[in-house]
Amino acid sequence: MNSEQVIEQLKRIVVEDLDVNLRYEDLNETVPLFEDGLGFDSVVVVELVNFIERRFKIELQEEALNMETFKNLQSVARVVCELLAEQQSARHAQA
């Protein structure tokens, strides 16, 4: 899964799963998730993490749970892509 596909999935999570009252067209992957951007709070981010982990079948480690990772959807997608790549490498190593 490439970065654009991950961003697409993240946008769908925000619009369809989170209770944030945003439309798909309103989302830009570079807009900050907090304060002056989309206005997410810690509760919404916890929900977002849960949906990400379920949708992508990954586990975000504690070191990834920081303001830099959740700066915007682009930065979240970068971390998700890295985890997906690690997961795929591990599967190939086991095969």
Protein backbone atom coordinates (compact mmCIF):
# COMPACT_ATOMS: atom_id res chain seq x y z
CA MET A 1 0.00 0.00 0.00
CA ASN A 2 1.51 3.31 -1.03
CA SER A 3 1.32 6.66 0.75
CA GLU A 4 -1.59 7.97 -1.34
CA GLN A 5 -3.65 4.86 -0.58
CA VAL A 6 -2.91 5.19 3.13
CA ILE A 7 -3.90 8.88 3.09
CA GLU A 8 -7.12 7.93 1.30
CA GLN A 9 -7.91 5.36 4.01
CA LEU A 10 -7.07 7.86 6.77
CA LYS A 11 -9.43 10.42 5.23
CA ARG A 12 -12.17 7.78 5.12
CA ILE A 13 -11.59 7.00 8.81
CA VAL A 14 -11.87 10.69 9.72
CA VAL A 15 -15.06 11.20 7.69
CA GLU A 16 -16.82 7.88 8.26
CA ASP A 17 -15.68 6.65 11.67
CA LEU A 18 -14.80 9.67 13.82
CA ASP A 19 -17.49 11.94 15.19
CA VAL A 20 -15.87 15.15 13.91
CA ASN A 21 -18.46 16.43 11.46
CA LEU A 22 -16.06 16.82 8.53
CA ARG A 23 -16.62 16.04 4.87
CA TYR A 24 -14.14 14.23 2.67
CA GLU A 25 -13.79 17.35 0.49
CA ASP A 26 -12.79 19.39 3.56
CA LEU A 27 -9.75 17.23 4.28
CA ASN A 28 -6.26 18.10 3.14
CA GLU A 29 -3.45 15.82 4.31
CA THR A 30 -1.22 18.79 5.20
CA VAL A 31 -3.70 20.60 7.48
CA PRO A 32 -2.78 20.29 11.19
CA LEU A 33 -4.97 17.89 13.14
CA PHE A 34 -5.04 20.06 16.26
CA GLU A 35 -5.83 23.69 17.19
CA ASP A 36 -5.76 25.89 14.08
CA GLY A 37 -6.34 22.95 11.77
CA LEU A 38 -9.06 20.33 12.17
CA GLY A 39 -9.38 20.99 15.90
CA PHE A 40 -8.94 17.39 17.09
CA ASP A 41 -8.63 16.84 20.83
CA SER A 42 -6.99 13.96 22.69
CA VAL A 43 -10.21 11.90 22.74
CA VAL A 44 -10.53 12.09 18.95
CA VAL A 45 -6.86 11.13 18.53
CA VAL A 46 -7.32 8.06 20.76
CA GLU A 47 -10.28 7.04 18.60
CA LEU A 48 -8.23 7.70 15.47
CA VAL A 49 -5.42 5.46 16.76
CA ASN A 50 -7.91 2.66 17.45
CA PHE A 51 -9.43 2.91 13.98
CA ILE A 52 -5.99 3.04 12.34
CA GLU A 53 -4.84 -0.07 14.19
CA ARG A 54 -7.97 -1.98 13.22
CA ARG A 55 -8.13 -0.81 9.60
CA PHE A 56 -4.45 -1.44 8.82
CA LYS A 57 -3.98 -4.38 11.24
CA ILE A 58 -0.97 -2.72 12.85
CA GLU A 59 -0.05 -1.61 16.34
CA LEU A 60 1.24 1.91 16.88
CA GLN A 61 4.07 1.68 19.38
CA GLU A 62 4.36 4.16 22.23
CA GLU A 63 7.20 6.05 20.52
CA ALA A 64 4.88 6.77 17.57
CA LEU A 65 2.19 8.27 19.79
CA ASN A 66 3.40 11.86 19.79
CA MET A 67 2.56 15.28 18.41
CA GLU A 68 5.01 14.89 15.51
CA THR A 69 3.28 11.73 14.25
CA PHE A 70 -0.15 13.33 14.56
CA LYS A 71 0.85 16.71 13.13
CA ASN A 72 -1.27 16.06 10.02
CA LEU A 73 -2.61 13.15 7.97
CA GLN A 74 0.55 13.13 5.88
CA SER A 75 2.74 12.48 8.93
CA VAL A 76 0.33 9.81 10.19
CA ALA A 77 0.45 8.14 6.77
CA ARG A 78 4.27 8.13 6.86
CA VAL A 79 4.27 6.20 10.16
CA VAL A 80 1.55 3.80 8.96
CA CYS A 81 3.49 3.11 5.74
CA GLU A 82 6.66 2.40 7.73
CA LEU A 83 4.80 -0.06 9.97
CA LEU A 84 3.16 -1.76 6.99
CA ALA A 85 6.57 -2.11 5.28
CA GLU A 86 8.09 -3.60 8.46
CA GLN A 87 5.18 -6.00 8.73
CA GLN A 88 5.59 -7.10 5.10
CA SER A 89 9.36 -7.56 5.54
CA ALA A 90 8.76 -9.71 8.61
CA ARG A 91 6.29 -11.87 6.66
CA HIS A 92 8.79 -12.36 3.82
CA ALA A 93 11.55 -13.23 6.30
CA GLN A 94 9.34 -15.93 7.81
CA ALA A 95 8.45 -17.43 4.43
